[in-house]
Amino acid sequence: MKKSGMRIRVSATVPIVLGLMILTDRTGIGLITVLAALLHEVGHLFAARLLGIRAESMRLGFLGMRIDVGERLLSYSEEWLLCAAGPLVSLVLSAVAAPLWGVWASARLFSCASLVLGILNLLPIRSFDGGRMLECFLLSVVGTRATQRIMAACSFLFLFLLWATAVYFLLRVGDGLSLFCFSLSLLFRFFDGDEF
């Protein structure tokens, strides 16, 4: 039997958001951020390969990429390592690009975008890498019911802090509209009960 290749599914919002970013991006920040995000996702794929996890399909959506491993059940440690790989790659790339700030004009933007992406993904918010890492740890220690309650509380707390930070930037600095919209949309999804 011939094995089929990996399927890639893209949410309808992804091409719209990317198109708007490219059309309105006059500084190059959008494209550099997309590059940093793609390299973050490559970190997850690389970790899957190192762990011997075969990705059957990938879903690219509002909050990044989801890897579908089919019917294989991942251990908590495999899931934790798979989630940690993306932020680790982002933070390493940020550090590698930092010495190039004076040499390459876009190095500062790339370094900062990778740093923000790495830190943001480590927040203990359900569906973020950090949230999934915390969930793996909690499931191995306290069980399903307690994990669900802790994850709901952590997700709400950090979503609220993210939104409050965005409001602060809007009011004090006059910038941060994209962070405000992003955090507000996540809060709406949290209260709607959607998996975000």
Protein backbone atom coordinates (compact mmCIF):
# COMPACT_ATOMS: atom_id res chain seq x y z
CA MET A 1 0.00 0.00 0.00
CA LYS A 2 1.37 3.39 -0.96
CA LYS A 3 1.55 5.93 1.84
CA SER A 4 0.13 9.31 1.03
CA GLY A 5 2.01 12.50 1.88
CA MET A 6 1.21 14.81 4.73
CA ARG A 7 -1.94 16.88 4.26
CA ILE A 8 -1.84 20.59 4.98
CA ARG A 9 -5.08 22.38 5.84
CA VAL A 10 -5.22 26.15 5.99
CA SER A 11 -7.95 28.10 7.76
CA ALA A 12 -9.73 30.67 5.59
CA THR A 13 -8.58 33.48 7.90
CA VAL A 14 -4.87 32.79 7.30
CA PRO A 15 -4.64 33.93 3.64
CA ILE A 16 -6.83 36.95 4.42
CA VAL A 17 -4.67 38.05 7.36
CA LEU A 18 -1.42 37.37 5.45
CA GLY A 19 -2.73 39.25 2.41
CA LEU A 20 -3.68 42.26 4.51
CA MET A 21 -0.29 42.20 6.25
CA ILE A 22 1.59 42.11 2.95
CA LEU A 23 -0.56 44.80 1.33
CA THR A 24 -0.32 47.20 4.27
CA ASP A 25 3.23 46.45 5.41
CA ARG A 26 5.46 49.36 4.46
CA THR A 27 8.20 48.69 7.02
CA GLY A 28 8.84 44.98 6.50
CA ILE A 29 7.76 44.14 10.04
CA GLY A 30 4.89 41.96 8.83
CA LEU A 31 7.04 39.80 6.57
CA ILE A 32 9.74 39.46 9.22
CA THR A 33 7.12 38.44 11.78
CA VAL A 34 5.75 35.83 9.36
CA LEU A 35 9.29 34.51 8.87
CA ALA A 36 9.80 34.30 12.65
CA ALA A 37 6.46 32.47 12.99
CA LEU A 38 7.33 30.00 10.23
CA LEU A 39 10.68 29.22 11.84
CA HIS A 40 8.87 28.74 15.18
CA GLU A 41 6.62 26.15 13.52
CA VAL A 42 9.61 24.48 11.86
CA GLY A 43 10.94 23.98 15.41
CA HIS A 44 7.85 21.93 16.23
CA LEU A 45 8.23 19.86 13.05
CA PHE A 46 11.93 19.28 13.73
CA ALA A 47 11.14 18.10 17.26
CA ALA A 48 8.48 15.74 15.89
CA ARG A 49 11.06 14.24 13.54
CA LEU A 50 13.64 13.88 16.35
CA LEU A 51 11.04 12.18 18.56
CA GLY A 52 10.03 9.83 15.74
CA ILE A 53 6.54 11.31 15.56
CA ARG A 54 5.05 11.09 12.08
CA ALA A 55 2.88 14.10 11.27
CA GLU A 56 -0.09 12.95 9.19
CA SER A 57 -1.50 16.40 8.66
CA MET A 58 -1.00 20.01 9.69
CA ARG A 59 -3.65 22.64 10.32
CA LEU A 60 -2.59 26.25 9.94
CA GLY A 61 -5.00 28.52 11.76
CA PHE A 62 -5.50 31.70 13.75
CA LEU A 63 -3.07 30.74 16.52
CA GLY A 64 -0.44 28.91 14.50
CA MET A 65 -0.05 25.32 13.47
CA ARG A 66 -1.49 22.10 14.85
CA ILE A 67 0.22 18.79 14.07
CA ASP A 68 -2.06 15.77 13.72
CA VAL A 69 -0.27 12.52 14.56
CA GLY A 70 -3.21 10.27 13.65
CA GLU A 71 -4.12 7.54 16.07
CA ARG A 72 -0.80 7.54 17.90
CA LEU A 73 -1.07 8.61 21.51
CA LEU A 74 1.75 10.84 22.65
CA SER A 75 3.14 10.54 26.14
CA TYR A 76 3.00 13.63 28.32
CA SER A 77 6.76 14.04 27.96
CA GLU A 78 6.58 13.75 24.14
CA GLU A 79 3.78 16.33 23.99
CA TRP A 80 5.69 18.62 26.37
CA LEU A 81 8.90 18.41 24.28
CA LEU A 82 6.96 18.93 21.05
CA CYS A 83 5.35 22.08 22.50
CA ALA A 84 8.62 23.40 23.97
CA ALA A 85 10.49 23.15 20.65
CA GLY A 86 8.77 26.12 18.96
CA PRO A 87 9.41 28.68 21.71
CA LEU A 88 12.94 27.34 22.16
CA VAL A 89 13.70 27.87 18.47
CA SER A 90 12.22 31.39 18.64
CA LEU A 91 14.32 32.33 21.68
CA VAL A 92 17.51 30.85 20.20
CA LEU A 93 16.96 32.67 16.89
CA SER A 94 16.37 35.91 18.78
CA ALA A 95 19.69 35.49 20.59
CA VAL A 96 21.53 34.53 17.37
CA ALA A 97 20.18 37.58 15.51
CA ALA A 98 20.97 40.04 18.34
CA PRO A 99 24.71 40.42 17.54
CA LEU A 100 23.78 41.20 13.92
CA TRP A 101 21.78 44.34 14.77
CA GLY A 102 24.49 46.65 13.46
CA VAL A 103 25.27 44.48 10.40
CA TRP A 104 21.87 43.53 9.00
CA ALA A 105 19.16 46.19 8.93
CA SER A 106 16.34 43.74 9.67
CA ALA A 107 18.19 41.79 12.39
CA ARG A 108 16.72 43.92 15.18
CA LEU A 109 13.17 43.42 13.90
CA PHE A 110 13.71 39.68 13.46
CA SER A 111 15.33 39.34 16.88
CA CYS A 112 12.53 41.25 18.60
CA ALA A 113 9.77 39.41 16.68
CA SER A 114 11.31 36.04 17.58
CA LEU A 115 11.70 37.07 21.22
CA VAL A 116 8.10 38.26 21.53
CA LEU A 117 6.84 35.15 19.73
CA GLY A 118 8.84 32.87 22.01
CA ILE A 119 7.73 34.59 25.21
CA LEU A 120 4.09 34.91 24.10
CA ASN A 121 3.94 31.21 23.26
CA LEU A 122 5.27 30.28 26.70
CA LEU A 123 2.32 31.93 28.47
CA PRO A 124 0.20 29.33 30.31
CA ILE A 125 -2.86 29.91 28.14
CA ARG A 126 -4.78 26.93 26.80
CA SER A 127 -3.87 26.33 23.12
CA PHE A 128 -0.59 28.24 23.47
CA ASP A 129 2.55 26.11 23.69
CA GLY A 130 3.06 27.13 27.33
CA GLY A 131 -0.52 26.20 28.17
CA ARG A 132 -0.16 22.80 26.56
CA MET A 133 3.14 22.27 28.39
CA LEU A 134 1.50 23.15 31.72
CA GLU A 135 -1.46 20.92 30.90
CA CYS A 136 0.86 17.94 30.22
CA PHE A 137 2.59 18.50 33.55
CA LEU A 138 -0.68 18.87 35.48
CA LEU A 139 -2.27 15.80 33.88
CA SER A 140 0.67 13.71 35.03
CA VAL A 141 0.38 15.07 38.60
CA VAL A 142 -3.20 15.99 39.57
CA GLY A 143 -5.57 14.32 37.10
CA THR A 144 -8.08 15.51 34.52
CA ARG A 145 -10.71 17.38 36.55
CA ALA A 146 -8.23 19.46 38.57
CA THR A 147 -6.19 20.11 35.41
CA GLN A 148 -9.26 21.50 33.61
CA ARG A 149 -10.02 23.89 36.50
CA ILE A 150 -6.41 25.05 36.83
CA MET A 151 -6.06 25.54 33.07
CA ALA A 152 -9.29 27.56 32.88
CA ALA A 153 -8.10 29.82 35.73
CA CYS A 154 -4.57 30.23 34.30
CA SER A 155 -5.88 30.89 30.81
CA PHE A 156 -8.29 33.56 32.01
CA LEU A 157 -5.70 35.23 34.26
CA PHE A 158 -3.03 35.45 31.56
CA LEU A 159 -5.51 36.47 28.84
CA PHE A 160 -6.70 39.26 31.12
CA LEU A 161 -3.08 40.33 31.81
CA LEU A 162 -2.33 40.28 28.08
CA TRP A 163 -5.40 42.42 27.40
CA ALA A 164 -4.50 44.83 30.26
CA THR A 165 -0.97 45.18 28.85
CA ALA A 166 -2.44 46.03 25.45
CA VAL A 167 -4.74 48.63 27.01
CA TYR A 168 -1.77 50.14 28.85
CA PHE A 169 0.22 50.41 25.61
CA LEU A 170 -2.75 52.00 23.84
CA LEU A 171 -3.33 54.59 26.55
CA ARG A 172 0.25 55.39 27.60
CA VAL A 173 2.27 54.83 24.44
CA GLY A 174 -0.39 55.25 21.76
CA ASP A 175 0.57 51.94 20.14
CA GLY A 176 -0.38 48.30 20.47
CA LEU A 177 -3.65 48.14 18.55
CA SER A 178 -2.77 44.73 17.08
CA LEU A 179 -2.01 43.31 20.54
CA PHE A 180 -5.26 44.80 21.84
CA CYS A 181 -7.31 43.19 19.02
CA PHE A 182 -5.48 39.88 19.41
CA SER A 183 -5.99 39.71 23.19
CA LEU A 184 -9.61 40.86 22.93
CA SER A 185 -10.40 38.19 20.33
CA LEU A 186 -8.84 35.54 22.59
CA LEU A 187 -10.94 36.72 25.53
CA PHE A 188 -14.11 36.52 23.42
CA ARG A 189 -13.19 33.00 22.33
CA PHE A 190 -12.48 32.04 25.96
CA PHE A 191 -15.94 33.19 27.10
CA ASP A 192 -17.63 31.59 24.09
CA GLY A 193 -16.05 28.30 25.11
CA ASP A 194 -14.31 27.90 21.76
CA GLU A 195 -11.06 25.98 21.65
CA PHE A 196 -8.65 28.82 21.00
